[in-house]
Protein backbone atom coordinates (compact mmCIF):
# COMPACT_ATOMS: atom_id res chain seq x y z
CA MET A 1 -55.65 -100.08 27.21
CA VAL A 2 -53.15 -100.04 24.33
CA PHE A 3 -55.83 -98.60 22.03
CA ASN A 4 -56.53 -95.77 24.48
CA LEU A 5 -52.82 -94.96 24.70
CA GLN A 6 -52.53 -94.94 20.91
CA CYS A 7 -55.58 -92.68 20.58
CA HIS A 8 -54.22 -90.35 23.23
CA ALA A 9 -50.83 -90.21 21.52
CA PHE A 10 -52.46 -89.58 18.14
CA LEU A 11 -54.69 -86.81 19.53
CA ASP A 12 -51.80 -85.25 21.41
CA ASN A 13 -49.64 -85.24 18.27
CA THR A 14 -52.50 -83.85 16.16
CA LEU A 15 -53.19 -81.04 18.63
CA GLN A 16 -49.50 -80.13 18.70
CA GLN A 17 -49.50 -79.91 14.89
CA ILE A 18 -52.59 -77.71 14.93
CA GLU A 19 -51.08 -75.48 17.61
CA ALA A 20 -48.00 -75.02 15.40
CA MET A 21 -50.07 -73.93 12.39
CA PRO A 22 -49.69 -70.23 11.56
CA GLU A 23 -52.50 -67.84 12.46
CA THR A 24 -51.46 -64.48 11.06
CA THR A 25 -53.94 -64.15 8.19
CA PHE A 26 -57.64 -64.83 7.84
CA ASP A 27 -56.99 -67.84 5.56
CA GLU A 28 -54.46 -69.34 7.99
CA ILE A 29 -56.85 -68.91 10.90
CA VAL A 30 -59.74 -70.57 9.09
CA ASN A 31 -57.45 -73.40 7.96
CA LYS A 32 -56.53 -73.93 11.60
CA TYR A 33 -60.23 -73.84 12.55
CA VAL A 34 -61.04 -76.54 9.98
CA GLU A 35 -58.24 -78.76 11.29
CA MET A 36 -59.37 -78.30 14.90
CA ASN A 37 -62.91 -79.18 13.94
CA ILE A 38 -61.67 -82.41 12.34
CA ALA A 39 -59.50 -83.28 15.33
CA HIS A 40 -61.93 -82.38 18.13
CA PRO A 41 -62.76 -85.72 19.74
CA PHE A 42 -66.25 -84.99 21.06
CA MET A 43 -69.47 -84.67 19.10
CA GLU A 44 -71.39 -82.73 21.77
CA GLY A 45 -69.95 -79.28 22.21
CA ASN A 46 -67.55 -79.60 19.29
CA GLY A 47 -69.05 -76.74 17.31
CA ARG A 48 -69.61 -74.48 20.30
CA SER A 49 -66.09 -74.79 21.62
CA THR A 50 -64.38 -74.42 18.24
CA ARG A 51 -66.49 -71.37 17.29
CA ILE A 52 -65.49 -69.66 20.55
CA TRP A 53 -61.87 -70.69 19.90
CA LEU A 54 -62.07 -69.26 16.36
CA ASP A 55 -63.42 -65.95 17.61
CA LEU A 56 -60.66 -65.71 20.22
CA ILE A 57 -57.98 -66.19 17.57
CA LEU A 58 -59.64 -63.70 15.21
CA LYS A 59 -59.87 -61.14 18.01
CA LYS A 60 -56.27 -61.65 19.05
CA ARG A 61 -54.73 -61.67 15.57
CA LEU A 62 -57.04 -59.56 13.38
CA LYS A 63 -59.04 -57.47 15.88
CA GLN A 64 -62.23 -58.92 14.39
CA CYS A 65 -64.78 -61.59 15.24
CA VAL A 66 -67.65 -63.31 13.48
CA ASP A 67 -71.18 -61.95 13.72
CA TRP A 68 -72.70 -65.43 13.85
CA SER A 69 -76.24 -64.04 13.60
CA THR A 70 -75.60 -63.25 9.93
CA ILE A 71 -74.82 -66.86 8.98
CA ALA A 72 -77.76 -69.18 8.33
CA LYS A 73 -77.55 -72.54 10.08
CA HIS A 74 -78.04 -74.54 6.86
CA ASP A 75 -75.30 -72.59 5.07
CA TYR A 76 -72.87 -72.95 7.98
CA MET A 77 -73.49 -76.68 8.45
CA ASN A 78 -73.06 -77.38 4.75
CA ALA A 79 -69.86 -75.32 4.62
CA MET A 80 -68.47 -77.20 7.62
CA LYS A 81 -69.29 -80.58 6.05
CA VAL A 82 -67.25 -79.83 2.94
CA SER A 83 -64.53 -77.77 4.66
CA PRO A 84 -62.03 -80.65 5.03
CA VAL A 85 -61.80 -80.89 1.22
CA ASN A 86 -62.85 -77.35 0.24
CA SER A 87 -62.76 -74.58 2.82
CA ASN A 88 -63.56 -71.77 0.36
CA ILE A 89 -67.30 -71.81 1.08
CA LEU A 90 -66.67 -71.57 4.81
CA LYS A 91 -64.09 -68.84 4.32
CA THR A 92 -66.56 -66.80 2.27
CA LEU A 93 -69.31 -67.19 4.88
CA LEU A 94 -67.01 -66.21 7.72
CA TYR A 95 -65.27 -63.38 5.88
CA ASN A 96 -68.59 -61.78 4.92
CA SER A 97 -69.65 -61.90 8.59
CA LEU A 98 -66.56 -60.37 10.18
CA THR A 99 -67.03 -57.39 12.44
CA THR A 100 -64.72 -55.17 14.47
CA LYS A 101 -67.16 -55.19 17.43
CA ILE A 102 -64.80 -57.34 19.48
CA HIS A 103 -65.59 -55.58 22.77
CA ASP A 104 -69.36 -55.56 22.25
CA ARG A 105 -71.11 -57.66 24.92
CA GLU A 106 -74.19 -58.08 22.74
CA MET A 107 -72.07 -59.45 19.89
CA TYR A 108 -70.43 -61.92 22.29
CA MET A 109 -73.77 -63.09 23.68
CA LYS A 110 -75.23 -63.43 20.17
CA GLY A 111 -72.30 -65.67 19.31
CA ILE A 112 -73.08 -67.93 22.27
CA ASP A 113 -76.80 -68.04 21.38
CA TYR A 114 -76.07 -68.94 17.78
CA SER A 115 -73.61 -71.61 18.83
CA TYR A 116 -76.46 -73.44 20.53
CA TYR A 117 -78.79 -72.76 17.60
CA TYR A 118 -76.37 -74.34 15.11
CA GLU A 119 -76.26 -77.53 17.15
CA GLU A 120 -80.02 -77.93 17.72
CA ASN A 121 -81.58 -80.92 16.03
CA ASP A 122 -83.95 -79.96 13.25
């Protein structure tokens, strides 16, 4: 029971710190995305939920979103693996895939489809 309370307190504190991170520039937003990915406590659904979260922040702050269909699974997964120590690869992938089609239903649905594709076992 004490361990669960400590984990809950740690996660709560971590999420508060992430929430307080700035999100006014592309770099700040991706930095926040990397931190959320590290902190997210569940393996299943981690990528899907954080990619949707990322797109929501990008739409709100920059009026852009990611066209996930332009990012190869292998490239994305490798960039995510190294992102806690070097987020530049991830930033390049995401930046090169930004689009202003934030109200496009097809773009939104493609993002959902690719979220499942990235998490499929090879």
